[in-house]
Each structure stands twice: as structure tokens, then as C-alpha cells.
């Protein structure tokens, strides 16, 4: 059941886009107005519905049956996943959609995540933690990285050739990020630091389909303040890109795989940085030693974390919706007992039993309400990312 894609249509999505939220406002922005109209929504969503059923659904079962493995120091993914990732990238469904290069044809954020909800409903372990995270990494680089670093990594993230991660948690610290012990040591280049430490529970920490993985790592510059105040953010690629175009392994080693949120196929990996003292990272933001030991790493990482939180809400909505659709299908097919209010009617499908029907209607209402809240959030993100009016991009006064 869990890997049976039970969406029958895209009516809910279309209602949100065409009857509730003013999608025309988003499509009128300069980056979209030459490429899309409201009438394009139907074809787009129906195409993705078909793609999910035919292409993504089989890989969900593969991820459950043949989960990620760790053998001889290597992370081994479910057999069908590299092919799925390549297909989604080739057809434009897995690329980082915040490409800001001139002339790039991109979808509004709200439409991207409606497509990804369908993918996530049947294979949450590859879509949300892997594909969406690359978007978050590229957002951070667009905001924080110097131009030459952007040129090194953004094209690969935009195209899907590169994937990304956010690396916060450590074995001894857990969710208390201020207790991290991963250190950053200066080099002759003031932007480049040697990174040494360990992280755990890193979604997409290693895989067999990306040409490179861009890790966004929280670490403490040697000499910075203890606790959260002294944390900085670093861009630490799996493969270091040299100025002459060559690349070399950047001393980031997987030490094992872990399980997170029941996603057996997702490569949730423990990582070790700098075992051979040759792991390098670019400092994103200010040098804490020039600001009384205070870093800006946590504030910077929240630019990505907040969007990832909404992504988890989208993922959860997809899983919840698919569970409801499967339950409704089963209730219509399963015949047992007679209705409480009409014992003479004989055996009926259990959907006709009052309490079953009540439970299904409650699930339907919660699913649709959650979906509406999620996509109102993405609608506001489209405004924040693309509206040319600063007053429109500014959050309400009561919004943190």
C-alpha cells in the first residue's frame, strides 16, 4: 500500500491554482510571463501525474525492499534510483528551479512543489531530501557566496549534475547545535579553511548519481566563541574544483549509514571531514575573528532550513494524501457486514459503514486543509523570490 500511487486526478491542485490563489499574479512576474499562462497548469500537472504512476512508483517499492547499503566504505543506493534521478534531471523535474541566469526557463515555486508532492507521495526518500535540498543549497550560494564560488557550483546545482546537503548534527551534540566540535582552521587563502570533524544523519550524504555533492557545513573557526554565537557556515564540496578546471577528492568520507523517518532508501549518512587533513571549505559570511569571535553561521543556515521545513510539510502532505486515497479505495472494495442503520441491507462495502465513512471524511478534510496551507506558503515564497516591488516582498509586521 505505501508504495502504491493512488492519486486519481489533480483536481485539488487545480482548485488551489485556478480558483483559490491568484496564480495570475505570479505568472505576471518578468521571469514567468513569457513562458506560462494559467491554462498551462492542467497539462503540466496531468503529465506529472502520469509520470509519477509510470516512472516514480516502481522505485518507491525498490527503496523499501532494497534499501541503501554500506559496503567497503561505499554507499550503495537502491538499483533503480540512479536511473530515476537521471530521468528526472533530463526531463527537468529534478533541477534546482531557482536558476537566476538570464533567459532561464523555470517554473513558479508553487508549481514545482505540487509536482514534487506527487513524486514524494510514493517515493519521499528520493524527492524531498535529495532533489529539494539542492535548491536550498543553491539559494544559500546565491545569497552568500562570492562570484567565483557561485560560478563553480551553481551551474551544476541548477542542472541537477550536483546535489547538496545541510550538515548540522554531530554525535555528541544532537539537536544542541551550539555544542558542535567540527573545527575550521585558516589557510593562506582567507576565504578557504581546513575542515575537521564529524556529522551524522546527513540526508543524501553520499550517493552514486551526482557528479559532486555540495555540503553546507556548520563549523567553528578556531578561536571563535563557544556555543551558537561562534558558529560559521562553510561550502564544502565532495570534490574540490581547482582553478584549472580539474577536480580532486576533498577528504570527506562516509563512515556508515543511518535510518531517518522510515526512509529506507535515502542515503542518510554519517560523514567524517579531514581524516587526512585535506578537507577544504569556503567560508560563507563574515570571519568571526574580525567580529569578536561571533559567527553568522546559524543565521545563514536558517535561510535554507526554513524552506526545508516547508518542504517537509509538502512531503508529509503527499504521504498523508496517498494514505487517504489508498484507504478510500480499499474501503470501496472491501465488503463486510451490514450498515448499523440498516441491518437488513446485507453485506456492503465498508465505505458504507457510518464510522468508516466518518473517518475517511475526516482524513479527506485534514489532507485538503494541510495542502491549502502548504501551497499558500509556496505562493508567498514566489512573491518573496520574484516580485519586483520591495513592499510586496516585505513580510507582514507580525511575521518573524
Protein backbone atom coordinates (compact mmCIF):
# COMPACT_ATOMS: atom_id res chain seq x y z
CA UNK A 1 0.00 0.00 0.00
CA UNK A 2 2.69 2.52 0.99
CA UNK A 3 4.27 2.41 -2.46
CA UNK A 4 1.01 2.30 -4.43
CA UNK A 5 0.43 5.68 -6.04
CA UNK A 6 -3.30 6.19 -5.53
CA UNK A 7 -3.79 9.77 -6.78
CA UNK A 8 -6.57 9.59 -9.40
CA UNK A 9 -6.51 13.18 -10.64
CA UNK A 10 -5.05 16.62 -9.96
CA UNK A 11 -8.32 18.38 -9.15
CA UNK A 12 -7.18 19.61 -5.73
CA UNK A 13 -4.05 21.19 -7.19
CA UNK A 14 -6.01 22.89 -9.95
CA UNK A 15 -8.55 24.26 -7.49
CA UNK A 16 -5.74 25.85 -5.45
CA UNK A 17 -4.07 27.35 -8.52
CA UNK A 18 -7.04 28.34 -10.66
CA UNK A 19 -9.85 29.10 -8.24
CA UNK A 20 -8.37 29.99 -4.85
CA UNK A 21 -4.93 31.60 -5.12
CA UNK A 22 -4.37 34.38 -7.69
CA UNK A 23 -1.85 32.50 -9.84
CA UNK A 24 -2.02 35.24 -12.47
CA UNK A 25 -0.13 37.49 -10.06
CA UNK A 26 2.82 35.06 -10.04
CA UNK A 27 2.71 34.37 -13.77
CA UNK A 28 2.85 38.11 -14.48
CA UNK A 29 6.35 38.38 -13.00
CA UNK A 30 9.10 39.01 -15.58
CA UNK A 31 10.72 35.59 -15.19
CA UNK A 32 7.44 33.75 -15.94
CA UNK A 33 5.22 35.90 -18.12
CA UNK A 34 6.77 34.93 -21.45
CA UNK A 35 6.58 31.21 -20.73
CA UNK A 36 3.39 30.31 -18.85
CA UNK A 37 -0.32 31.00 -18.64
CA UNK A 38 -2.92 29.72 -16.18
CA UNK A 39 -4.27 27.36 -18.84
CA UNK A 40 -0.90 25.55 -18.93
CA UNK A 41 -1.50 24.22 -15.41
CA UNK A 42 -3.79 21.37 -16.50
CA UNK A 43 -1.37 19.85 -18.99
CA UNK A 44 1.61 20.21 -16.66
CA UNK A 45 0.00 18.57 -13.65
CA UNK A 46 -1.66 15.79 -15.64
CA UNK A 47 1.68 14.98 -17.28
CA UNK A 48 3.35 14.70 -13.88
CA UNK A 49 0.50 12.53 -12.57
CA UNK A 50 1.13 10.08 -15.42
CA UNK A 51 4.91 10.26 -14.97
CA UNK A 52 4.60 9.50 -11.26
CA UNK A 53 2.47 6.42 -11.87
CA UNK A 54 4.64 5.03 -14.65
CA UNK A 55 8.15 6.01 -13.61
CA UNK A 56 8.39 7.00 -9.94
CA UNK A 57 6.02 4.47 -8.36
CA UNK A 58 8.18 1.37 -9.05
CA UNK A 59 11.21 2.99 -7.41
CA UNK A 60 9.35 3.51 -4.14
CA UNK A 61 8.99 -0.22 -3.68
CA UNK A 62 12.62 -0.70 -4.68
CA UNK A 63 13.70 1.71 -1.96
CA UNK A 64 11.73 -0.22 0.66
CA UNK A 65 12.83 -3.70 -0.43
CA UNK A 66 16.41 -2.87 -1.42
CA UNK A 67 17.24 -0.05 0.96
CA UNK A 68 20.52 1.83 0.96
CA UNK A 69 23.56 -0.25 1.97
CA UNK A 70 27.08 0.50 3.17
CA UNK A 71 29.73 -1.86 1.81
CA UNK A 72 33.52 -1.48 1.86
CA UNK A 73 33.26 2.18 2.75
CA UNK A 74 30.84 2.89 -0.10
CA UNK A 75 27.19 3.92 -0.04
CA UNK A 76 25.13 1.66 -2.32
CA UNK A 77 21.76 3.03 -3.47
CA UNK A 78 18.66 1.03 -4.49
CA UNK A 79 19.22 -0.27 -8.05
CA UNK A 80 16.53 1.80 -9.76
CA UNK A 81 17.34 5.12 -8.14
CA UNK A 82 20.26 6.37 -10.25
CA UNK A 83 18.17 5.79 -13.38
CA UNK A 84 15.19 7.60 -11.88
CA UNK A 85 17.34 10.55 -10.84
CA UNK A 86 18.87 10.78 -14.33
CA UNK A 87 15.45 10.70 -15.98
CA UNK A 88 14.01 13.36 -13.68
CA UNK A 89 17.06 15.55 -14.29
CA UNK A 90 16.99 15.04 -18.06
CA UNK A 91 13.31 15.95 -18.27
CA UNK A 92 13.75 18.96 -15.97
CA UNK A 93 11.87 17.68 -12.92
CA UNK A 94 14.87 17.38 -10.57
CA UNK A 95 16.80 20.53 -11.32
CA UNK A 96 17.24 23.42 -8.93
CA UNK A 97 14.45 25.69 -10.08
CA UNK A 98 15.75 28.96 -8.68
CA UNK A 99 18.12 29.46 -11.63
CA UNK A 100 18.57 33.23 -11.88
CA UNK A 101 20.67 33.22 -15.05
CA UNK A 102 19.28 35.41 -17.82
CA UNK A 103 16.90 33.58 -20.12
CA UNK A 104 16.48 30.52 -17.87
CA UNK A 105 13.03 28.95 -18.21
CA UNK A 106 11.85 27.99 -14.75
CA UNK A 107 8.55 27.10 -13.10
CA UNK A 108 6.97 29.09 -10.29
CA UNK A 109 7.86 27.58 -6.93
CA UNK A 110 4.26 26.67 -6.13
CA UNK A 111 4.03 24.57 -9.32
CA UNK A 112 7.37 22.86 -8.73
CA UNK A 113 6.31 21.66 -5.31
CA UNK A 114 2.92 20.45 -6.48
CA UNK A 115 4.79 18.23 -8.93
CA UNK A 116 7.18 17.14 -6.18
CA UNK A 117 4.27 16.34 -3.88
CA UNK A 118 3.13 13.67 -6.31
CA UNK A 119 6.65 12.25 -6.55
CA UNK A 120 7.02 12.35 -2.76
CA UNK A 121 3.71 10.60 -2.19
CA UNK A 122 5.19 7.37 -3.49
CA UNK A 123 8.95 7.90 -3.08
CA UNK A 124 9.53 10.53 -0.42
CA UNK A 125 13.05 9.30 0.25
CA UNK A 126 14.49 10.47 -3.06
CA UNK A 127 12.47 13.56 -3.85
CA UNK A 128 12.40 15.72 -0.75
CA UNK A 129 15.75 15.02 0.96
CA UNK A 130 17.75 14.83 -2.27
CA UNK A 131 16.25 16.96 -5.02
CA UNK A 132 14.76 19.73 -2.89
CA UNK A 133 17.93 20.11 -0.81
CA UNK A 134 19.91 21.13 -3.90
CA UNK A 135 17.52 24.03 -4.26
CA UNK A 136 18.22 25.13 -0.70
CA UNK A 137 21.98 24.91 -1.22
CA UNK A 138 21.82 27.00 -4.37
CA UNK A 139 19.71 29.60 -2.55
CA UNK A 140 22.43 29.91 0.09
CA UNK A 141 25.18 30.22 -2.51
CA UNK A 142 23.23 32.83 -4.45
CA UNK A 143 22.88 34.85 -1.27
CA UNK A 144 26.26 34.36 0.40
CA UNK A 145 28.97 33.16 -1.98
CA UNK A 146 31.43 35.35 -3.89
CA UNK A 147 31.01 35.34 -7.66
CA UNK A 148 33.80 32.88 -8.47
CA UNK A 149 32.43 30.33 -5.98
CA UNK A 150 28.95 30.74 -7.49
CA UNK A 151 30.39 30.01 -10.93
CA UNK A 152 31.99 26.82 -9.65
CA UNK A 153 28.92 25.26 -8.08
CA UNK A 154 25.68 26.90 -9.17
CA UNK A 155 25.63 25.60 -12.76
CA UNK A 156 25.92 22.01 -11.51
CA UNK A 157 23.23 22.55 -8.88
CA UNK A 158 20.91 24.20 -11.39
CA UNK A 159 21.32 21.39 -13.91
CA UNK A 160 20.97 18.54 -11.41
CA UNK A 161 24.51 17.29 -12.04
CA UNK A 162 25.34 18.26 -8.45
CA UNK A 163 23.30 17.58 -5.34
CA UNK A 164 23.57 19.16 -1.92
CA UNK A 165 23.18 18.70 1.82
CA UNK A 166 22.95 20.67 5.04
CA UNK A 167 25.24 19.34 7.77
CA UNK A 168 24.41 20.35 11.33
CA UNK A 169 24.06 17.35 13.68
CA UNK A 170 27.01 15.71 15.45
CA UNK A 171 27.24 12.53 17.55
CA UNK A 172 27.93 14.29 20.85
CA UNK A 173 25.64 17.29 20.28
CA UNK A 174 22.42 16.03 18.72
CA UNK A 175 19.97 18.87 18.26
CA UNK A 176 22.06 21.15 20.51
CA UNK A 177 23.95 22.59 17.56
CA UNK A 178 25.86 25.04 19.73
CA UNK A 179 27.80 22.09 21.18
CA UNK A 180 29.31 21.12 17.81
CA UNK A 181 33.02 20.33 17.74
CA UNK A 182 33.71 20.44 13.99
CA UNK A 183 36.51 22.98 13.56
CA UNK A 184 37.68 25.23 10.74
CA UNK A 185 41.32 26.25 10.51
CA UNK A 186 42.58 29.17 8.37
CA UNK A 187 44.81 28.66 5.31
CA UNK A 188 46.86 31.03 3.18
CA UNK A 189 43.64 31.92 1.35
CA UNK A 190 41.45 33.96 3.76
CA UNK A 191 38.29 32.51 2.20
CA UNK A 192 39.38 28.86 2.47
CA UNK A 193 39.54 26.85 5.70
CA UNK A 194 40.58 23.32 6.55
CA UNK A 195 37.57 21.46 7.99
CA UNK A 196 37.89 18.69 10.55
CA UNK A 197 35.09 16.89 12.39
CA UNK A 198 32.09 14.59 12.06
CA UNK A 199 28.41 14.92 11.23
CA UNK A 200 25.56 12.42 11.46
CA UNK A 201 22.06 11.98 9.98
CA UNK A 202 23.01 13.75 6.75
CA UNK A 203 20.30 13.15 4.15
CA UNK A 204 21.91 12.46 0.77
CA UNK A 205 25.31 12.45 2.48
CA UNK A 206 26.68 10.33 -0.35
CA UNK A 207 25.21 8.77 -3.49
CA UNK A 208 26.06 7.12 -6.80
CA UNK A 209 24.34 9.52 -9.19
CA UNK A 210 25.74 13.02 -8.54
CA UNK A 211 28.94 14.27 -10.13
CA UNK A 212 29.54 16.29 -6.97
CA UNK A 213 27.82 16.92 -3.63
CA UNK A 214 27.92 20.42 -2.16
CA UNK A 215 27.78 20.15 1.64
CA UNK A 216 26.75 23.22 3.62
CA UNK A 217 28.57 22.59 6.90
CA UNK A 218 28.34 24.32 10.27
CA UNK A 219 31.71 24.52 11.99
CA UNK A 220 33.57 26.72 14.47
CA UNK A 221 36.54 28.73 13.28
CA UNK A 222 39.50 28.05 15.56
CA UNK A 223 39.42 30.82 18.18
CA UNK A 224 35.73 31.77 17.75
CA UNK A 225 33.32 31.96 20.67
CA UNK A 226 31.83 28.79 22.16
CA UNK A 227 28.16 27.97 21.72
CA UNK A 228 25.86 29.03 18.92
CA UNK A 229 27.37 32.52 18.75
CA UNK A 230 30.69 31.26 17.40
CA UNK A 231 29.34 29.05 14.58
CA UNK A 232 30.14 29.73 10.92
CA UNK A 233 28.84 28.24 7.66
CA UNK A 234 31.07 26.65 5.03
CA UNK A 235 30.58 25.39 1.49
CA UNK A 236 32.43 22.05 1.46
CA UNK A 237 32.21 20.09 -1.81
CA UNK A 238 32.83 16.37 -2.05
CA UNK A 239 35.20 17.15 -4.92
CA UNK A 240 37.29 20.30 -4.77
CA UNK A 241 37.25 22.26 -8.04
CA UNK A 242 40.64 23.70 -8.96
CA UNK A 243 41.13 26.89 -10.91
CA UNK A 244 42.32 24.94 -13.97
CA UNK A 245 39.04 23.01 -14.12
CA UNK A 246 40.34 19.79 -12.60
CA UNK A 247 38.82 18.30 -9.50
CA UNK A 248 40.13 16.23 -6.61
CA UNK A 249 38.61 14.32 -3.72
CA UNK A 250 38.09 16.68 -0.79
CA UNK A 251 38.71 14.24 2.08
CA UNK A 252 35.05 13.70 3.03
CA UNK A 253 34.43 10.08 3.95
CA UNK A 254 31.18 8.26 4.70
CA UNK A 255 31.55 6.20 7.87
CA UNK A 256 28.18 4.46 7.85
CA UNK A 257 24.51 4.79 7.02
CA UNK A 258 21.67 5.61 9.38
CA UNK A 259 17.89 5.46 9.28
CA UNK A 260 15.73 8.56 9.47
CA UNK A 261 11.95 8.98 9.25
CA UNK A 262 11.46 5.46 7.90
CA UNK A 263 13.06 6.36 4.57
CA UNK A 264 14.93 3.14 3.95
CA UNK A 265 16.19 4.10 0.51
CA UNK A 266 17.51 7.54 1.34
CA UNK A 267 21.30 7.62 1.81
CA UNK A 268 21.28 9.07 5.33
CA UNK A 269 24.99 9.05 6.03
CA UNK A 270 27.47 9.74 8.82
CA UNK A 271 30.38 11.77 7.45
CA UNK A 272 33.94 12.42 8.56
CA UNK A 273 35.77 15.52 7.34
CA UNK A 274 39.53 15.89 7.16
CA UNK A 275 40.75 12.42 8.18
CA UNK A 276 43.87 13.19 6.10
CA UNK A 277 43.84 16.90 6.99
CA UNK A 278 42.89 17.82 3.43
CA UNK A 279 39.23 18.80 3.62
CA UNK A 280 38.67 22.38 2.48
CA UNK A 281 35.67 24.66 2.61
CA UNK A 282 34.74 28.19 1.61
CA UNK A 283 33.63 30.47 4.43
CA UNK A 284 30.13 31.81 3.78
CA UNK A 285 29.67 35.13 5.54
CA UNK A 286 31.93 37.04 7.87
CA UNK A 287 35.15 35.99 9.54
CA UNK A 288 34.18 35.65 13.24
CA UNK A 289 37.66 36.56 14.42
CA UNK A 290 37.07 40.04 12.98
CA UNK A 291 33.81 40.38 14.92
CA UNK A 292 34.78 39.49 18.47
CA UNK A 293 34.56 35.76 17.79
CA UNK A 294 30.91 35.94 16.67
CA UNK A 295 29.97 33.94 13.61
CA UNK A 296 26.84 34.25 11.49
CA UNK A 297 26.55 30.59 10.55
CA UNK A 298 23.26 29.81 12.28
CA UNK A 299 21.52 32.86 10.82
CA UNK A 300 22.83 31.95 7.39
CA UNK A 301 21.79 28.31 7.62
CA UNK A 302 18.26 29.34 8.55
CA UNK A 303 17.87 30.76 5.04
CA UNK A 304 17.90 27.14 3.93
CA UNK A 305 16.36 25.49 6.99
CA UNK A 306 13.14 27.49 6.88
CA UNK A 307 12.49 26.48 3.28
CA UNK A 308 13.34 22.88 4.13
CA UNK A 309 10.74 22.97 6.91
CA UNK A 310 8.07 23.85 4.38
CA UNK A 311 9.42 21.09 2.15
CA UNK A 312 8.87 18.59 4.98
CA UNK A 313 5.28 19.83 5.23
CA UNK A 314 4.85 19.19 1.50
CA UNK A 315 6.37 15.72 1.85
CA UNK A 316 4.08 14.91 4.78
CA UNK A 317 1.04 16.12 2.88
CA UNK A 318 1.90 13.85 -0.03
CA UNK A 319 2.30 10.83 2.22
CA UNK A 320 -0.92 11.65 4.07
CA UNK A 321 -2.86 12.18 0.85
CA UNK A 322 -1.63 8.93 -0.67
CA UNK A 323 -2.56 7.06 2.53
CA UNK A 324 -6.06 8.56 2.40
CA UNK A 325 -6.52 7.70 -1.30
CA UNK A 326 -5.40 4.12 -0.67
CA UNK A 327 -7.69 3.82 2.34
CA UNK A 328 -10.66 5.16 0.36
CA UNK A 329 -10.00 2.70 -2.48
CA UNK A 330 -9.79 -0.19 -0.03
CA UNK A 331 -12.97 0.85 1.74
CA UNK A 332 -14.84 0.85 -1.56
CA UNK A 333 -13.58 -2.62 -2.48
CA UNK A 334 -13.76 -4.42 0.89
CA UNK A 335 -17.20 -5.97 1.54
CA UNK A 336 -18.05 -6.83 5.13
CA UNK A 337 -21.09 -6.55 7.40
CA UNK A 338 -24.31 -4.61 7.08
CA UNK A 339 -24.81 -0.92 7.92
CA UNK A 340 -25.57 -0.11 11.54
CA UNK A 341 -28.66 1.87 10.46
CA UNK A 342 -29.99 -0.80 8.04
CA UNK A 343 -29.23 -4.32 9.24
CA UNK A 344 -31.49 -5.83 6.56
CA UNK A 345 -29.47 -4.42 3.71
CA UNK A 346 -26.99 -7.27 3.79
CA UNK A 347 -23.23 -7.08 3.32
CA UNK A 348 -21.89 -3.85 1.90
CA UNK A 349 -18.56 -2.26 1.11
CA UNK A 350 -17.13 -0.93 4.34
CA UNK A 351 -17.23 2.61 2.96
CA UNK A 352 -20.98 2.42 3.65
CA UNK A 353 -20.40 1.85 7.36
CA UNK A 354 -21.03 5.09 9.19
CA UNK A 355 -17.88 5.15 11.30
CA UNK A 356 -15.63 4.19 8.38
CA UNK A 357 -17.18 6.95 6.32
CA UNK A 358 -16.71 9.44 9.16
CA UNK A 359 -13.04 8.51 9.46
CA UNK A 360 -12.47 8.85 5.71
CA UNK A 361 -14.20 12.22 5.55
CA UNK A 362 -12.11 13.48 8.46
CA UNK A 363 -8.91 12.33 6.72
CA UNK A 364 -10.02 13.99 3.49
CA UNK A 365 -10.74 17.29 5.25
CA UNK A 366 -7.39 17.32 7.09
CA UNK A 367 -5.49 16.44 3.90
CA UNK A 368 -7.10 19.21 1.89
CA UNK A 369 -6.60 21.77 4.66
CA UNK A 370 -2.92 20.87 5.02
CA UNK A 371 -2.44 21.06 1.27
CA UNK A 372 -4.00 24.51 1.18
CA UNK A 373 -1.71 25.77 3.96
CA UNK A 374 1.40 24.33 2.31
CA UNK A 375 0.72 25.92 -1.06
CA UNK A 376 -0.24 29.26 0.42
CA UNK A 377 3.28 29.13 1.88
CA UNK A 378 4.80 28.41 -1.53
CA UNK A 379 2.67 31.13 -3.11
CA UNK A 380 4.17 33.60 -0.62
CA UNK A 381 7.64 32.27 -1.40
CA UNK A 382 7.07 33.05 -5.08
CA UNK A 383 6.22 36.60 -4.10
CA UNK A 384 9.28 36.82 -1.86
CA UNK A 385 11.61 35.47 -4.57
CA UNK A 386 10.24 37.19 -7.66
CA UNK A 387 8.04 40.22 -7.01
CA UNK A 388 9.79 43.39 -8.24
CA UNK A 389 8.08 45.51 -5.57
CA UNK A 390 10.04 45.55 -2.27
CA UNK A 391 6.84 46.36 -0.38
CA UNK A 392 5.27 43.14 -1.67
CA UNK A 393 8.31 41.09 -0.68
CA UNK A 394 8.31 42.52 2.85
CA UNK A 395 6.62 40.17 5.37
CA UNK A 396 3.69 41.40 7.49
CA UNK A 397 4.60 43.21 10.71
CA UNK A 398 3.56 40.24 12.85
CA UNK A 399 5.65 37.79 10.83
CA UNK A 400 9.10 36.93 12.29
